[in-house]
């Protein structure tokens, strides 16, 4: 499997999780905004990028 294919698969799986979280945030009486917590700046940039691409409302917090 080449590196670009692996990146696409990873992004697709993360996208699915982000979409489920956004839906849950709305279903349970929220406004669709959710928080994703990670421990590295690189991961935070990746999640922010995916959320932006999907048009999701939320934020990423870094906890070392």
N, C-alpha and C. Protein backbone atom coordinates (compact mmCIF):
# COMPACT_ATOMS: atom_id res chain seq x y z
N UNK A 1 0.86 -1.17 0.00
CA UNK A 1 0.00 0.00 0.00
C UNK A 1 0.90 1.23 0.00
N UNK A 2 0.64 2.13 -0.91
CA UNK A 2 1.51 3.31 -0.94
C UNK A 2 1.08 4.34 0.11
N UNK A 3 1.97 5.27 0.36
CA UNK A 3 1.77 6.25 1.42
C UNK A 3 0.51 7.10 1.20
N UNK A 4 0.26 7.51 -0.03
CA UNK A 4 -0.91 8.36 -0.31
C UNK A 4 -2.21 7.59 -0.10
N UNK A 5 -2.21 6.33 -0.46
CA UNK A 5 -3.40 5.50 -0.25
C UNK A 5 -3.67 5.36 1.25
N UNK A 6 -2.63 5.14 2.03
CA UNK A 6 -2.78 5.02 3.47
C UNK A 6 -3.35 6.31 4.07
N UNK A 7 -2.87 7.45 3.59
CA UNK A 7 -3.39 8.74 4.07
C UNK A 7 -4.87 8.88 3.75
N UNK A 8 -5.28 8.49 2.55
CA UNK A 8 -6.70 8.58 2.17
C UNK A 8 -7.57 7.67 3.03
N UNK A 9 -7.09 6.47 3.30
CA UNK A 9 -7.84 5.54 4.14
C UNK A 9 -7.98 6.10 5.56
N UNK A 10 -6.89 6.62 6.10
CA UNK A 10 -6.92 7.20 7.45
C UNK A 10 -7.88 8.39 7.50
N UNK A 11 -7.81 9.26 6.52
CA UNK A 11 -8.70 10.43 6.49
C UNK A 11 -10.15 9.99 6.39
N UNK A 12 -10.42 9.00 5.59
CA UNK A 12 -11.79 8.50 5.43
C UNK A 12 -12.33 7.96 6.75
N UNK A 13 -11.52 7.21 7.46
CA UNK A 13 -11.96 6.66 8.74
C UNK A 13 -12.17 7.75 9.78
N UNK A 14 -11.28 8.72 9.81
CA UNK A 14 -11.44 9.84 10.74
C UNK A 14 -12.68 10.64 10.37
N UNK A 15 -12.91 10.86 9.08
CA UNK A 15 -14.09 11.59 8.64
C UNK A 15 -15.36 10.92 9.15
N UNK A 16 -15.41 9.60 9.06
CA UNK A 16 -16.59 8.86 9.55
C UNK A 16 -16.81 9.12 11.04
N UNK A 17 -15.73 9.07 11.81
CA UNK A 17 -15.85 9.31 13.26
C UNK A 17 -16.28 10.74 13.56
N UNK A 18 -15.71 11.70 12.83
CA UNK A 18 -16.07 13.10 13.05
C UNK A 18 -17.54 13.34 12.72
N UNK A 19 -18.02 12.76 11.63
CA UNK A 19 -19.42 12.93 11.24
C UNK A 19 -20.36 12.31 12.28
N UNK A 20 -19.99 11.17 12.82
CA UNK A 20 -20.80 10.53 13.86
C UNK A 20 -20.83 11.42 15.11
N UNK A 21 -19.69 11.98 15.47
CA UNK A 21 -19.65 12.85 16.65
C UNK A 21 -20.49 14.11 16.45
N UNK A 22 -20.42 14.69 15.26
CA UNK A 22 -21.22 15.89 14.98
C UNK A 22 -22.71 15.57 15.05
N UNK A 23 -23.09 14.43 14.51
CA UNK A 23 -24.49 14.01 14.55
C UNK A 23 -24.94 13.80 15.99
N UNK A 24 -24.10 13.15 16.78
CA UNK A 24 -24.42 12.92 18.19
C UNK A 24 -24.55 14.24 18.94
N UNK A 25 -23.70 15.20 18.63
CA UNK A 25 -23.75 16.51 19.28
C UNK A 25 -25.09 17.19 19.01
N UNK A 26 -25.66 16.96 17.85
CA UNK A 26 -26.97 17.53 17.53
C UNK A 26 -28.10 16.70 18.14
N UNK A 27 -28.00 15.40 18.06
CA UNK A 27 -29.06 14.50 18.52
C UNK A 27 -29.32 14.63 20.02
N UNK A 28 -28.29 14.90 20.79
CA UNK A 28 -28.45 14.96 22.23
C UNK A 28 -28.69 16.38 22.72
N UNK A 29 -29.34 17.18 21.90
CA UNK A 29 -29.78 18.49 22.32
C UNK A 29 -28.74 19.59 22.19
N UNK A 30 -27.63 19.29 21.57
CA UNK A 30 -26.61 20.31 21.40
C UNK A 30 -26.79 21.08 20.10
N UNK A 31 -25.80 21.86 19.77
CA UNK A 31 -25.86 22.68 18.57
C UNK A 31 -24.94 22.14 17.47
N UNK A 32 -24.42 20.94 17.65
CA UNK A 32 -23.56 20.34 16.64
C UNK A 32 -22.09 20.67 16.80
N UNK A 33 -21.77 21.53 17.76
CA UNK A 33 -20.38 21.89 18.01
C UNK A 33 -19.80 20.86 18.98
N UNK A 34 -18.63 20.35 18.65
CA UNK A 34 -18.01 19.37 19.53
C UNK A 34 -16.52 19.63 19.66
N UNK A 35 -15.94 18.99 20.65
CA UNK A 35 -14.52 19.15 20.95
C UNK A 35 -13.80 17.82 20.68
N UNK A 36 -12.65 17.91 20.04
CA UNK A 36 -11.80 16.75 19.82
C UNK A 36 -10.51 17.02 20.58
N UNK A 37 -10.06 16.08 21.39
CA UNK A 37 -8.85 16.26 22.19
C UNK A 37 -7.77 15.33 21.67
N UNK A 38 -6.58 15.88 21.49
CA UNK A 38 -5.43 15.10 21.05
C UNK A 38 -4.20 15.55 21.82
N UNK A 39 -3.09 14.86 21.60
CA UNK A 39 -1.91 15.20 22.39
C UNK A 39 -0.75 15.79 21.57
N UNK A 40 -0.95 16.03 20.30
CA UNK A 40 0.14 16.61 19.50
C UNK A 40 -0.38 17.70 18.57
N UNK A 41 0.43 18.73 18.35
CA UNK A 41 0.03 19.78 17.42
C UNK A 41 -0.20 19.26 16.00
N UNK A 42 0.58 18.30 15.55
CA UNK A 42 0.40 17.76 14.19
C UNK A 42 -0.96 17.09 14.06
N UNK A 43 -1.35 16.33 15.07
CA UNK A 43 -2.66 15.67 15.04
C UNK A 43 -3.77 16.72 15.09
N UNK A 44 -3.58 17.76 15.89
CA UNK A 44 -4.59 18.82 15.97
C UNK A 44 -4.78 19.49 14.62
N UNK A 45 -3.69 19.76 13.93
CA UNK A 45 -3.80 20.37 12.58
C UNK A 45 -4.56 19.44 11.63
N UNK A 46 -4.26 18.14 11.71
CA UNK A 46 -4.95 17.17 10.85
C UNK A 46 -6.45 17.17 11.13
N UNK A 47 -6.84 17.08 12.43
CA UNK A 47 -8.26 17.05 12.77
C UNK A 47 -8.96 18.36 12.38
N UNK A 48 -8.31 19.49 12.61
CA UNK A 48 -8.89 20.78 12.21
C UNK A 48 -9.10 20.83 10.70
N UNK A 49 -8.15 20.31 9.96
CA UNK A 49 -8.25 20.28 8.51
C UNK A 49 -9.44 19.43 8.06
N UNK A 50 -9.59 18.26 8.65
CA UNK A 50 -10.68 17.36 8.28
C UNK A 50 -12.03 17.99 8.66
N UNK A 51 -12.10 18.61 9.84
CA UNK A 51 -13.35 19.24 10.26
C UNK A 51 -13.72 20.38 9.32
N UNK A 52 -12.74 21.16 8.92
CA UNK A 52 -12.98 22.25 7.99
C UNK A 52 -13.45 21.73 6.63
N UNK A 53 -12.80 20.70 6.14
CA UNK A 53 -13.17 20.11 4.85
C UNK A 53 -14.61 19.59 4.88
N UNK A 54 -15.02 19.03 6.01
CA UNK A 54 -16.36 18.46 6.14
C UNK A 54 -17.40 19.51 6.52
N UNK A 55 -16.95 20.72 6.82
CA UNK A 55 -17.88 21.78 7.21
C UNK A 55 -18.45 21.59 8.60
N UNK A 56 -17.69 20.95 9.49
CA UNK A 56 -18.16 20.68 10.84
C UNK A 56 -17.78 21.81 11.78
N UNK A 57 -18.63 22.04 12.76
CA UNK A 57 -18.39 23.08 13.75
C UNK A 57 -17.83 22.44 15.00
N UNK A 58 -16.71 22.95 15.45
CA UNK A 58 -16.11 22.42 16.66
C UNK A 58 -14.70 22.93 16.79
N UNK A 59 -13.99 22.37 17.73
CA UNK A 59 -12.61 22.79 17.92
C UNK A 59 -11.78 21.61 18.42
N UNK A 60 -10.48 21.77 18.30
CA UNK A 60 -9.53 20.75 18.73
C UNK A 60 -8.70 21.33 19.87
N UNK A 61 -8.58 20.55 20.92
CA UNK A 61 -7.79 20.97 22.09
C UNK A 61 -6.60 20.03 22.21
N UNK A 62 -5.43 20.60 22.52
CA UNK A 62 -4.22 19.82 22.69
C UNK A 62 -3.96 19.66 24.19
N UNK A 63 -3.87 18.40 24.63
CA UNK A 63 -3.52 18.08 26.01
C UNK A 63 -2.31 17.18 25.96
N UNK A 64 -1.14 17.73 26.31
CA UNK A 64 0.11 16.92 26.23
C UNK A 64 0.10 15.73 27.17
